Amino acid sequence: MSVTVILIIITVLASIYAWRDSTLKNKWIHNPYSANKYKEYYRLLTSGFIHADYMHLFFNMYAFYLFGGVVEQYFEYFFGGKAILAFLGLYLVGIVVANLPDFVKYKDSFGFNSLGASGGVSAIVFCSVVLNPLMELIIFPIPIPMPGYIFALVYVAYSIFMEKRQMDNVNHMAHLWGAIWGVLFIGLTEPATLPRFIEQITSSF
């Protein structure tokens, strides 16, 4: 069984349990105030294993499933016996990195909470885009396939726009920071991937 599938199973079970047990949800959710005042830094990670509702959980885990297996295959080639550790580093640290800006910004605001695996999933998706920038992706509700690198540009622009407008309850900057971590991780661990990324894009014109 792949690491992606194992993490999905853990996340689904944890999310369902948290919906039934508010005590667990309140203990695991990312509340920067509690994390800072009571040194509950684990919240930066545990919040990535619980979700707001079934739709939130489904979309995160579906995206994780689509891209996680692809990244795992690349990592087996790059890292060999350390592939699992590298994958966990990409995903789990992605969750933490995505939560850090809110931890700094809202550490004195008791009422701020966030949850979900979006930071880790974004790290996986963008790492996959760097590795294969010409793969065709679709952004709902746009029915036209687009190359992965175009998807990345649209995704970043959309996240920044939505964060500035504050039109919904989605933590768009967490998505963006997770994406940045995904690019940094693969760029630092396998530097040759970035020149190859540029070469693939330029050769497509």
N, C-alpha and C. Protein backbone atom coordinates (compact mmCIF):
# COMPACT_ATOMS: atom_id res chain seq x y z
N MET A 1 0.85 -1.20 0.00
CA MET A 1 0.00 0.00 0.00
C MET A 1 0.89 1.25 0.00
N SER A 2 0.55 2.21 -0.85
CA SER A 2 1.38 3.41 -0.97
C SER A 2 1.24 4.31 0.25
N VAL A 3 2.24 5.17 0.44
CA VAL A 3 2.21 6.13 1.55
C VAL A 3 1.02 7.07 1.39
N THR A 4 0.73 7.45 0.14
CA THR A 4 -0.40 8.34 -0.12
C THR A 4 -1.69 7.75 0.39
N VAL A 5 -1.94 6.50 0.07
CA VAL A 5 -3.18 5.83 0.49
C VAL A 5 -3.24 5.71 2.01
N ILE A 6 -2.11 5.37 2.64
CA ILE A 6 -2.08 5.25 4.10
C ILE A 6 -2.42 6.59 4.75
N LEU A 7 -1.83 7.68 4.25
CA LEU A 7 -2.11 9.01 4.80
C LEU A 7 -3.57 9.41 4.57
N ILE A 8 -4.11 9.03 3.43
CA ILE A 8 -5.52 9.33 3.16
C ILE A 8 -6.42 8.61 4.15
N ILE A 9 -6.14 7.34 4.39
CA ILE A 9 -6.94 6.55 5.34
C ILE A 9 -6.88 7.17 6.74
N ILE A 10 -5.66 7.53 7.17
CA ILE A 10 -5.49 8.14 8.49
C ILE A 10 -6.28 9.45 8.57
N THR A 11 -6.20 10.26 7.52
CA THR A 11 -6.86 11.56 7.51
C THR A 11 -8.38 11.42 7.51
N VAL A 12 -8.89 10.49 6.73
CA VAL A 12 -10.34 10.25 6.68
C VAL A 12 -10.85 9.80 8.04
N LEU A 13 -10.16 8.84 8.64
CA LEU A 13 -10.58 8.33 9.95
C LEU A 13 -10.50 9.42 11.02
N ALA A 14 -9.42 10.20 11.01
CA ALA A 14 -9.25 11.27 12.00
C ALA A 14 -10.32 12.34 11.83
N SER A 15 -10.63 12.68 10.59
CA SER A 15 -11.64 13.71 10.32
C SER A 15 -13.02 13.26 10.80
N ILE A 16 -13.38 12.03 10.47
CA ILE A 16 -14.69 11.50 10.88
C ILE A 16 -14.78 11.44 12.41
N TYR A 17 -13.70 11.00 13.04
CA TYR A 17 -13.70 10.93 14.51
C TYR A 17 -13.84 12.32 15.12
N ALA A 18 -13.16 13.30 14.51
CA ALA A 18 -13.22 14.67 15.03
C ALA A 18 -14.61 15.27 14.88
N TRP A 19 -15.34 14.89 13.82
CA TRP A 19 -16.72 15.38 13.66
C TRP A 19 -17.61 14.85 14.78
N ARG A 20 -17.29 13.68 15.29
CA ARG A 20 -18.10 13.07 16.33
C ARG A 20 -17.62 13.44 17.73
N ASP A 21 -16.40 13.91 17.82
CA ASP A 21 -15.82 14.24 19.12
C ASP A 21 -15.26 15.66 19.07
N SER A 22 -16.03 16.62 19.52
CA SER A 22 -15.61 18.02 19.45
C SER A 22 -14.37 18.29 20.31
N THR A 23 -14.17 17.47 21.33
CA THR A 23 -12.99 17.64 22.18
C THR A 23 -11.72 17.41 21.38
N LEU A 24 -11.72 16.36 20.57
CA LEU A 24 -10.56 16.07 19.72
C LEU A 24 -10.37 17.18 18.69
N LYS A 25 -11.46 17.60 18.09
CA LYS A 25 -11.37 18.66 17.08
C LYS A 25 -10.78 19.93 17.69
N ASN A 26 -11.26 20.31 18.86
CA ASN A 26 -10.76 21.52 19.51
C ASN A 26 -9.30 21.38 19.94
N LYS A 27 -8.87 20.16 20.20
CA LYS A 27 -7.49 19.94 20.63
C LYS A 27 -6.54 19.93 19.44
N TRP A 28 -7.02 19.46 18.28
CA TRP A 28 -6.17 19.32 17.10
C TRP A 28 -6.20 20.51 16.15
N ILE A 29 -7.26 21.30 16.20
CA ILE A 29 -7.40 22.39 15.25
C ILE A 29 -6.28 23.42 15.42
N HIS A 30 -5.94 24.11 14.34
CA HIS A 30 -4.89 25.13 14.45
C HIS A 30 -5.48 26.41 15.02
N ASN A 31 -5.25 26.61 16.29
CA ASN A 31 -5.62 27.85 16.97
C ASN A 31 -4.31 28.51 17.41
N PRO A 32 -3.84 29.51 16.65
CA PRO A 32 -2.54 30.12 16.93
C PRO A 32 -2.40 30.65 18.35
N TYR A 33 -3.50 31.15 18.90
CA TYR A 33 -3.47 31.69 20.26
C TYR A 33 -3.09 30.58 21.26
N SER A 34 -3.76 29.45 21.17
CA SER A 34 -3.47 28.33 22.07
C SER A 34 -2.08 27.76 21.81
N ALA A 35 -1.72 27.67 20.53
CA ALA A 35 -0.40 27.15 20.18
C ALA A 35 0.70 28.00 20.78
N ASN A 36 0.49 29.30 20.78
CA ASN A 36 1.50 30.23 21.29
C ASN A 36 1.49 30.29 22.82
N LYS A 37 0.31 30.49 23.41
CA LYS A 37 0.22 30.68 24.86
C LYS A 37 0.54 29.41 25.64
N TYR A 38 0.03 28.27 25.16
CA TYR A 38 0.20 27.02 25.89
C TYR A 38 1.26 26.11 25.27
N LYS A 39 2.02 26.66 24.30
CA LYS A 39 3.09 25.90 23.63
C LYS A 39 2.57 24.63 22.95
N GLU A 40 1.35 24.70 22.42
CA GLU A 40 0.76 23.54 21.75
C GLU A 40 1.10 23.58 20.26
N TYR A 41 2.38 23.51 19.98
CA TYR A 41 2.85 23.65 18.60
C TYR A 41 2.44 22.48 17.72
N TYR A 42 2.06 21.38 18.35
CA TYR A 42 1.61 20.21 17.58
C TYR A 42 0.42 20.54 16.70
N ARG A 43 -0.34 21.58 17.06
CA ARG A 43 -1.53 21.97 16.29
C ARG A 43 -1.16 22.34 14.85
N LEU A 44 0.04 22.83 14.65
CA LEU A 44 0.49 23.19 13.30
C LEU A 44 0.46 21.97 12.37
N LEU A 45 0.60 20.79 12.94
CA LEU A 45 0.57 19.56 12.15
C LEU A 45 -0.75 18.82 12.26
N THR A 46 -1.27 18.66 13.48
CA THR A 46 -2.48 17.85 13.66
C THR A 46 -3.69 18.45 12.94
N SER A 47 -3.70 19.77 12.76
CA SER A 47 -4.82 20.41 12.05
C SER A 47 -4.92 19.94 10.61
N GLY A 48 -3.83 19.39 10.08
CA GLY A 48 -3.85 18.89 8.71
C GLY A 48 -4.53 17.54 8.56
N PHE A 49 -4.89 16.92 9.68
CA PHE A 49 -5.53 15.61 9.63
C PHE A 49 -7.02 15.67 9.94
N ILE A 50 -7.55 16.86 10.14
CA ILE A 50 -9.00 17.02 10.35
C ILE A 50 -9.54 18.06 9.38
N HIS A 51 -10.83 17.92 9.04
CA HIS A 51 -11.44 18.78 8.03
C HIS A 51 -12.80 19.30 8.48
N ALA A 52 -13.24 20.35 7.80
CA ALA A 52 -14.48 21.02 8.21
C ALA A 52 -15.72 20.17 7.93
N ASP A 53 -15.75 19.49 6.77
CA ASP A 53 -16.92 18.70 6.38
C ASP A 53 -16.50 17.70 5.31
N TYR A 54 -17.49 16.93 4.84
CA TYR A 54 -17.20 15.89 3.86
C TYR A 54 -16.66 16.46 2.55
N MET A 55 -17.20 17.59 2.10
CA MET A 55 -16.76 18.18 0.85
C MET A 55 -15.31 18.64 0.95
N HIS A 56 -14.98 19.29 2.04
CA HIS A 56 -13.61 19.75 2.30
C HIS A 56 -12.64 18.56 2.28
N LEU A 57 -13.04 17.51 2.97
CA LEU A 57 -12.22 16.30 3.04
C LEU A 57 -12.08 15.64 1.67
N PHE A 58 -13.19 15.54 0.95
CA PHE A 58 -13.17 14.87 -0.35
C PHE A 58 -12.22 15.56 -1.34
N PHE A 59 -12.35 16.85 -1.49
CA PHE A 59 -11.55 17.55 -2.49
C PHE A 59 -10.05 17.50 -2.14
N ASN A 60 -9.74 17.64 -0.86
CA ASN A 60 -8.33 17.55 -0.47
C ASN A 60 -7.76 16.16 -0.73
N MET A 61 -8.49 15.14 -0.32
CA MET A 61 -7.99 13.78 -0.46
C MET A 61 -8.01 13.31 -1.92
N TYR A 62 -8.97 13.80 -2.70
CA TYR A 62 -9.01 13.44 -4.11
C TYR A 62 -7.78 14.00 -4.83
N ALA A 63 -7.47 15.27 -4.57
CA ALA A 63 -6.29 15.89 -5.17
C ALA A 63 -5.02 15.19 -4.70
N PHE A 64 -4.99 14.84 -3.42
CA PHE A 64 -3.83 14.14 -2.86
C PHE A 64 -3.64 12.79 -3.54
N TYR A 65 -4.73 12.08 -3.76
CA TYR A 65 -4.67 10.77 -4.41
C TYR A 65 -4.18 10.89 -5.85
N LEU A 66 -4.67 11.89 -6.58
CA LEU A 66 -4.30 12.06 -7.99
C LEU A 66 -2.81 12.33 -8.16
N PHE A 67 -2.25 13.17 -7.29
CA PHE A 67 -0.87 13.61 -7.46
C PHE A 67 0.12 12.88 -6.56
N GLY A 68 -0.35 12.36 -5.44
CA GLY A 68 0.55 11.71 -4.50
C GLY A 68 1.27 10.51 -5.07
N GLY A 69 0.53 9.67 -5.79
CA GLY A 69 1.14 8.48 -6.38
C GLY A 69 2.20 8.82 -7.40
N VAL A 70 1.97 9.87 -8.17
CA VAL A 70 2.93 10.32 -9.17
C VAL A 70 4.23 10.76 -8.50
N VAL A 71 4.09 11.57 -7.45
CA VAL A 71 5.27 12.07 -6.73
C VAL A 71 6.01 10.90 -6.08
N GLU A 72 5.29 9.95 -5.54
CA GLU A 72 5.93 8.78 -4.93
C GLU A 72 6.82 8.05 -5.93
N GLN A 73 6.34 7.89 -7.15
CA GLN A 73 7.12 7.21 -8.18
C GLN A 73 8.40 7.96 -8.50
N TYR A 74 8.30 9.26 -8.63
CA TYR A 74 9.49 10.08 -8.87
C TYR A 74 10.46 9.96 -7.70
N PHE A 75 9.93 9.99 -6.49
CA PHE A 75 10.79 9.96 -5.30
C PHE A 75 11.51 8.63 -5.16
N GLU A 76 10.88 7.55 -5.58
CA GLU A 76 11.55 6.25 -5.55
C GLU A 76 12.78 6.27 -6.45
N TYR A 77 12.68 6.98 -7.56
CA TYR A 77 13.82 7.11 -8.48
C TYR A 77 14.89 8.04 -7.90
N PHE A 78 14.45 9.16 -7.32
CA PHE A 78 15.39 10.15 -6.79
C PHE A 78 16.07 9.71 -5.50
N PHE A 79 15.28 9.16 -4.57
CA PHE A 79 15.77 8.95 -3.20
C PHE A 79 15.96 7.49 -2.81
N GLY A 80 15.52 6.58 -3.64
CA GLY A 80 15.71 5.17 -3.34
C GLY A 80 15.08 4.76 -2.02
N GLY A 81 15.89 4.20 -1.12
CA GLY A 81 15.39 3.72 0.15
C GLY A 81 14.88 4.81 1.08
N LYS A 82 15.19 6.05 0.77
CA LYS A 82 14.73 7.18 1.60
C LYS A 82 13.51 7.88 0.99
N ALA A 83 12.91 7.25 0.00
CA ALA A 83 11.78 7.86 -0.71
C ALA A 83 10.61 8.16 0.22
N ILE A 84 10.31 7.23 1.13
CA ILE A 84 9.17 7.44 2.04
C ILE A 84 9.44 8.62 2.97
N LEU A 85 10.66 8.71 3.50
CA LEU A 85 11.00 9.83 4.37
C LEU A 85 10.91 11.16 3.63
N ALA A 86 11.38 11.16 2.39
CA ALA A 86 11.32 12.38 1.58
C ALA A 86 9.88 12.78 1.32
N PHE A 87 9.04 11.81 1.01
CA PHE A 87 7.62 12.10 0.74
C PHE A 87 6.93 12.64 1.99
N LEU A 88 7.21 12.03 3.13
CA LEU A 88 6.62 12.50 4.38
C LEU A 88 7.11 13.91 4.72
N GLY A 89 8.38 14.16 4.42
CA GLY A 89 8.93 15.50 4.65
C GLY A 89 8.24 16.53 3.79
N LEU A 90 8.00 16.19 2.53
CA LEU A 90 7.31 17.10 1.62
C LEU A 90 5.89 17.38 2.11
N TYR A 91 5.16 16.35 2.44
CA TYR A 91 3.75 16.49 2.79
C TYR A 91 3.53 17.06 4.19
N LEU A 92 4.14 16.45 5.19
CA LEU A 92 3.90 16.85 6.57
C LEU A 92 4.48 18.23 6.87
N VAL A 93 5.69 18.48 6.40
CA VAL A 93 6.28 19.81 6.60
C VAL A 93 5.48 20.85 5.82
N GLY A 94 4.91 20.45 4.69
CA GLY A 94 4.06 21.36 3.92
C GLY A 94 2.87 21.84 4.73
N ILE A 95 2.28 20.95 5.52
CA ILE A 95 1.17 21.33 6.39
C ILE A 95 1.62 22.36 7.41
N VAL A 96 2.77 22.10 8.02
CA VAL A 96 3.30 23.02 9.05
C VAL A 96 3.66 24.36 8.45
N VAL A 97 4.39 24.34 7.34
CA VAL A 97 4.82 25.58 6.68
C VAL A 97 3.61 26.43 6.30
N ALA A 98 2.56 25.80 5.80
CA ALA A 98 1.36 26.53 5.40
C ALA A 98 0.67 27.19 6.59
N ASN A 99 0.85 26.63 7.78
CA ASN A 99 0.22 27.19 8.98
C ASN A 99 1.05 28.26 9.67
N LEU A 100 2.34 28.32 9.38
CA LEU A 100 3.22 29.24 10.08
C LEU A 100 2.84 30.72 9.91
N PRO A 101 2.50 31.19 8.70
CA PRO A 101 2.13 32.62 8.58
C PRO A 101 0.94 32.99 9.45
N ASP A 102 -0.05 32.11 9.55
CA ASP A 102 -1.21 32.40 10.40
C ASP A 102 -0.84 32.32 11.87
N PHE A 103 0.09 31.44 12.21
CA PHE A 103 0.55 31.36 13.60
C PHE A 103 1.17 32.70 14.02
N VAL A 104 1.99 33.27 13.15
CA VAL A 104 2.62 34.55 13.45
C VAL A 104 1.60 35.68 13.47
N LYS A 105 0.69 35.67 12.50
CA LYS A 105 -0.27 36.76 12.35
C LYS A 105 -1.35 36.76 13.42
N TYR A 106 -1.80 35.56 13.83
CA TYR A 106 -2.96 35.48 14.72
C TYR A 106 -2.64 34.90 16.09
N LYS A 107 -1.38 34.89 16.49
CA LYS A 107 -1.02 34.28 17.77
C LYS A 107 -1.64 34.99 18.97
N ASP A 108 -2.12 36.21 18.78
CA ASP A 108 -2.78 36.94 19.87
C ASP A 108 -4.30 37.05 19.65
N SER A 109 -4.81 36.33 18.65
CA SER A 109 -6.24 36.37 18.33
C SER A 109 -6.88 35.04 18.69
N PHE A 110 -7.62 35.01 19.79
CA PHE A 110 -8.18 33.76 20.29
C PHE A 110 -9.17 33.13 19.31
N GLY A 111 -9.88 33.96 18.55
CA GLY A 111 -10.97 33.45 17.73
C GLY A 111 -10.58 32.84 16.39
N PHE A 112 -9.31 32.89 16.01
CA PHE A 112 -8.91 32.37 14.70
C PHE A 112 -8.63 30.87 14.78
N ASN A 113 -9.23 30.12 13.85
CA ASN A 113 -9.00 28.68 13.73
C ASN A 113 -8.85 28.31 12.27
N SER A 114 -8.08 27.29 12.00
CA SER A 114 -8.02 26.74 10.63
C SER A 114 -7.73 25.25 10.71
N LEU A 115 -8.12 24.54 9.70
CA LEU A 115 -7.91 23.10 9.66
C LEU A 115 -7.91 22.62 8.22
N GLY A 116 -7.38 21.43 8.01
CA GLY A 116 -7.36 20.86 6.67
C GLY A 116 -5.96 20.59 6.17
N ALA A 117 -5.86 19.69 5.21
CA ALA A 117 -4.57 19.25 4.67
C ALA A 117 -4.13 20.04 3.46
N SER A 118 -4.78 21.17 3.18
CA SER A 118 -4.53 21.91 1.95
C SER A 118 -3.07 22.28 1.74
N GLY A 119 -2.37 22.66 2.81
CA GLY A 119 -0.96 23.03 2.67
C GLY A 119 -0.11 21.87 2.18
N GLY A 120 -0.32 20.70 2.78
CA GLY A 120 0.43 19.51 2.35
C GLY A 120 0.05 19.07 0.95
N VAL A 121 -1.25 19.13 0.64
CA VAL A 121 -1.71 18.75 -0.69
C VAL A 121 -1.15 19.69 -1.75
N SER A 122 -1.14 20.98 -1.46
CA SER A 122 -0.58 21.96 -2.39
C SER A 122 0.90 21.70 -2.64
N ALA A 123 1.61 21.30 -1.58
CA ALA A 123 3.03 20.97 -1.73
C ALA A 123 3.20 19.80 -2.69
N ILE A 124 2.36 18.79 -2.56
CA ILE A 124 2.42 17.62 -3.44
C ILE A 124 2.09 18.01 -4.87
N VAL A 125 1.03 18.79 -5.06
CA VAL A 125 0.59 19.19 -6.39
C VAL A 125 1.68 20.00 -7.10
N PHE A 126 2.25 20.97 -6.42
CA PHE A 126 3.23 21.84 -7.07
C PHE A 126 4.56 21.13 -7.28
N CYS A 127 4.92 20.22 -6.40
CA CYS A 127 6.09 19.39 -6.65
C CYS A 127 5.89 18.57 -7.92
N SER A 128 4.70 18.03 -8.08
CA SER A 128 4.35 17.26 -9.27
C SER A 128 4.42 18.12 -10.53
N VAL A 129 3.98 19.37 -10.42
CA VAL A 129 4.02 20.29 -11.57
C VAL A 129 5.46 20.58 -11.98
N VAL A 130 6.35 20.76 -11.00
CA VAL A 130 7.76 20.99 -11.32
C VAL A 130 8.34 19.78 -12.04
N LEU A 131 7.97 18.59 -11.58
CA LEU A 131 8.50 17.36 -12.17
C LEU A 131 7.93 17.09 -13.55
N ASN A 132 6.69 17.52 -13.78
CA ASN A 132 6.04 17.27 -15.07
C ASN A 132 5.19 18.46 -15.45
N PRO A 133 5.80 19.56 -15.89
CA PRO A 133 5.07 20.82 -16.12
C PRO A 133 4.11 20.77 -17.30
N LEU A 134 4.23 19.78 -18.16
CA LEU A 134 3.38 19.73 -19.36
C LEU A 134 2.18 18.80 -19.19
N MET A 135 2.03 18.19 -18.03
CA MET A 135 0.85 17.34 -17.82
C MET A 135 -0.40 18.21 -17.87
N GLU A 136 -1.46 17.68 -18.41
CA GLU A 136 -2.68 18.46 -18.60
C GLU A 136 -3.57 18.36 -17.36
N LEU A 137 -4.00 19.54 -16.88
CA LEU A 137 -4.85 19.62 -15.70
C LEU A 137 -6.07 20.46 -16.01
N ILE A 138 -7.12 20.29 -15.23
CA ILE A 138 -8.35 21.06 -15.39
C ILE A 138 -8.68 21.74 -14.07
N ILE A 139 -8.93 23.04 -14.13
CA ILE A 139 -9.38 23.79 -12.96
C ILE A 139 -10.89 23.96 -13.05
N PHE A 140 -11.61 23.38 -12.10
CA PHE A 140 -13.07 23.54 -12.09
C PHE A 140 -13.41 25.00 -11.83
N PRO A 141 -14.37 25.61 -12.57
CA PRO A 141 -15.28 25.01 -13.54
C PRO A 141 -14.84 25.18 -14.99
N ILE A 142 -13.54 25.50 -15.24
CA ILE A 142 -13.05 25.67 -16.61
C ILE A 142 -12.85 24.30 -17.23
N PRO A 143 -13.60 23.93 -18.28
CA PRO A 143 -13.55 22.57 -18.82
C PRO A 143 -12.40 22.33 -19.80
N ILE A 144 -11.51 23.31 -19.95
CA ILE A 144 -10.44 23.20 -20.94
C ILE A 144 -9.14 22.75 -20.25
N PRO A 145 -8.54 21.64 -20.68
CA PRO A 145 -7.27 21.20 -20.08
C PRO A 145 -6.17 22.23 -20.33
N MET A 146 -5.28 22.36 -19.38
CA MET A 146 -4.16 23.29 -19.52
C MET A 146 -2.89 22.63 -18.98
N PRO A 147 -1.72 23.03 -19.51
CA PRO A 147 -0.47 22.46 -19.00
C PRO A 147 -0.30 22.77 -17.51
N GLY A 148 0.42 21.92 -16.82
CA GLY A 148 0.59 22.07 -15.40
C GLY A 148 1.17 23.41 -14.98
N TYR A 149 2.11 23.93 -15.76
CA TYR A 149 2.73 25.20 -15.37
C TYR A 149 1.76 26.36 -15.52
N ILE A 150 0.83 26.28 -16.47
CA ILE A 150 -0.21 27.31 -16.59
C ILE A 150 -1.17 27.20 -15.41
N PHE A 151 -1.51 25.98 -15.05
CA PHE A 151 -2.34 25.74 -13.88
C PHE A 151 -1.71 26.37 -12.64
N ALA A 152 -0.38 26.21 -12.49
CA ALA A 152 0.31 26.76 -11.33
C ALA A 152 0.21 28.28 -11.30
N LEU A 153 0.39 28.92 -12.45
CA LEU A 153 0.30 30.38 -12.52
C LEU A 153 -1.11 30.86 -12.16
N VAL A 154 -2.13 30.18 -12.71
CA VAL A 154 -3.52 30.55 -12.43
C VAL A 154 -3.83 30.34 -10.95
N TYR A 155 -3.33 29.25 -10.41
CA TYR A 155 -3.58 28.91 -9.01
C TYR A 155 -3.00 29.97 -8.07
N VAL A 156 -1.76 30.38 -8.35
CA VAL A 156 -1.11 31.38 -7.52
C VAL A 156 -1.85 32.72 -7.61
N ALA A 157 -2.19 33.13 -8.84
CA ALA A 157 -2.89 34.40 -9.03
C ALA A 157 -4.25 34.37 -8.34
N TYR A 158 -4.95 33.25 -8.45
CA TYR A 158 -6.27 33.10 -7.83
C TYR A 158 -6.16 33.17 -6.30
N SER A 159 -5.16 32.50 -5.74
CA SER A 159 -4.99 32.47 -4.29
C SER A 159 -4.73 33.87 -3.75
N ILE A 160 -3.86 34.61 -4.43
CA ILE A 160 -3.55 35.97 -3.99
C ILE A 160 -4.78 36.87 -4.12
N PHE A 161 -5.49 36.74 -5.22
CA PHE A 161 -6.70 37.55 -5.44
C PHE A 161 -7.75 37.28 -4.38
N MET A 162 -8.03 36.00 -4.12
CA MET A 162 -9.06 35.64 -3.17
C MET A 162 -8.68 36.01 -1.74
N GLU A 163 -7.39 35.92 -1.42
CA GLU A 163 -6.95 36.30 -0.08
C GLU A 163 -7.15 37.80 0.14
N LYS A 164 -6.89 38.59 -0.87
CA LYS A 164 -7.08 40.04 -0.76
C LYS A 164 -8.55 40.41 -0.66
N ARG A 165 -9.40 39.68 -1.39
CA ARG A 165 -10.84 40.00 -1.39
C ARG A 165 -11.55 39.49 -0.15
N GLN A 166 -11.03 38.43 0.47
CA GLN A 166 -11.65 37.84 1.66
C GLN A 166 -13.13 37.53 1.41
N MET A 167 -13.40 36.82 0.32
CA MET A 167 -14.77 36.54 -0.09
C MET A 167 -15.32 35.23 0.48
N ASP A 168 -14.47 34.41 1.08
CA ASP A 168 -14.94 33.14 1.62
C ASP A 168 -14.14 32.81 2.87
N ASN A 169 -14.37 31.61 3.41
CA ASN A 169 -13.69 31.20 4.63
C ASN A 169 -12.49 30.29 4.35
N VAL A 170 -12.06 30.24 3.10
CA VAL A 170 -10.95 29.39 2.71
C VAL A 170 -9.64 30.12 2.99
N ASN A 171 -8.68 29.40 3.55
CA ASN A 171 -7.38 29.98 3.84
C ASN A 171 -6.50 29.87 2.59
N HIS A 172 -6.66 30.81 1.69
CA HIS A 172 -5.97 30.74 0.40
C HIS A 172 -4.46 30.89 0.54
N MET A 173 -4.01 31.67 1.50
CA MET A 173 -2.57 31.85 1.66
C MET A 173 -1.91 30.57 2.17
N ALA A 174 -2.63 29.75 2.91
CA ALA A 174 -2.09 28.46 3.33
C ALA A 174 -1.83 27.59 2.11
N HIS A 175 -2.75 27.64 1.14
CA HIS A 175 -2.56 26.92 -0.12
C HIS A 175 -1.28 27.40 -0.79
N LEU A 176 -1.12 28.72 -0.83
CA LEU A 176 0.02 29.30 -1.54
C LEU A 176 1.34 28.95 -0.86
N TRP A 177 1.39 29.03 0.47
CA TRP A 177 2.62 28.70 1.18
C TRP A 177 2.96 27.22 1.05
N GLY A 178 1.94 26.37 1.03
CA GLY A 178 2.19 24.96 0.79
C GLY A 178 2.77 24.72 -0.58
N ALA A 179 2.25 25.44 -1.57
CA ALA A 179 2.75 25.33 -2.94
C ALA A 179 4.21 25.77 -3.02
N ILE A 180 4.52 26.87 -2.35
CA ILE A 180 5.90 27.36 -2.35
C ILE A 180 6.84 26.32 -1.73
N TRP A 181 6.40 25.69 -0.65
CA TRP A 181 7.21 24.66 -0.01
C TRP A 181 7.45 23.49 -0.98
N GLY A 182 6.43 23.11 -1.72
CA GLY A 182 6.58 22.01 -2.67
C GLY A 182 7.65 22.29 -3.71
N VAL A 183 7.69 23.52 -4.21
CA VAL A 183 8.69 23.91 -5.21
C VAL A 183 10.07 23.97 -4.57
N LEU A 184 10.16 24.56 -3.38
CA LEU A 184 11.45 24.67 -2.69
C LEU A 184 12.01 23.29 -2.35
N PHE A 185 11.16 22.40 -1.89
CA PHE A 185 11.62 21.08 -1.48
C PHE A 185 12.28 20.33 -2.63
N ILE A 186 11.59 20.25 -3.74
CA ILE A 186 12.16 19.49 -4.86
C ILE A 186 13.33 20.24 -5.48
N GLY A 187 13.29 21.58 -5.45
CA GLY A 187 14.41 22.35 -5.99
C GLY A 187 15.68 22.21 -5.16
N LEU A 188 15.53 22.07 -3.83
CA LEU A 188 16.69 21.95 -2.95
C LEU A 188 17.23 20.52 -2.90
N THR A 189 16.33 19.55 -2.94
CA THR A 189 16.77 18.15 -2.84
C THR A 189 17.23 17.58 -4.17
N GLU A 190 16.64 18.06 -5.27
CA GLU A 190 17.01 17.62 -6.61
C GLU A 190 17.15 18.85 -7.51
N PRO A 191 18.26 19.58 -7.39
CA PRO A 191 18.43 20.86 -8.12
C PRO A 191 18.25 20.75 -9.62
N ALA A 192 18.53 19.59 -10.19
CA ALA A 192 18.44 19.43 -11.65
C ALA A 192 16.99 19.52 -12.14
N THR A 193 16.03 19.37 -11.23
CA THR A 193 14.63 19.39 -11.67
C THR A 193 14.19 20.78 -12.13
N LEU A 194 14.75 21.83 -11.57
CA LEU A 194 14.33 23.18 -11.95
C LEU A 194 14.78 23.56 -13.35
N PRO A 195 16.08 23.34 -13.72
CA PRO A 195 16.46 23.57 -15.13
C PRO A 195 15.67 22.70 -16.10
N ARG A 196 15.38 21.45 -15.68
CA ARG A 196 14.60 20.56 -16.54
C ARG A 196 13.18 21.07 -16.69
N PHE A 197 12.63 21.64 -15.62
CA PHE A 197 11.30 22.25 -15.65
C PHE A 197 11.25 23.36 -16.70
N ILE A 198 12.24 24.25 -16.67
CA ILE A 198 12.30 25.36 -17.63
C ILE A 198 12.51 24.84 -19.05
N GLU A 199 13.36 23.85 -19.19
CA GLU A 199 13.64 23.28 -20.52
C GLU A 199 12.39 22.67 -21.14
N GLN A 200 11.62 21.96 -20.33
CA GLN A 200 10.40 21.33 -20.85
C GLN A 200 9.38 22.39 -21.32
N ILE A 201 9.30 23.49 -20.56
CA ILE A 201 8.35 24.54 -20.93
C ILE A 201 8.80 25.23 -22.22
N THR A 202 10.07 25.61 -22.28
CA THR A 202 10.56 26.34 -23.47
C THR A 202 10.51 25.48 -24.73
N SER A 203 10.75 24.18 -24.57
CA SER A 203 10.73 23.29 -25.74
C SER A 203 9.33 23.02 -26.24
N SER A 204 8.31 23.41 -25.44
CA SER A 204 6.93 23.16 -25.85
C SER A 204 6.40 24.26 -26.78
N PHE A 205 7.11 25.38 -26.89
CA PHE A 205 6.65 26.47 -27.74
C PHE A 205 7.00 26.22 -29.20
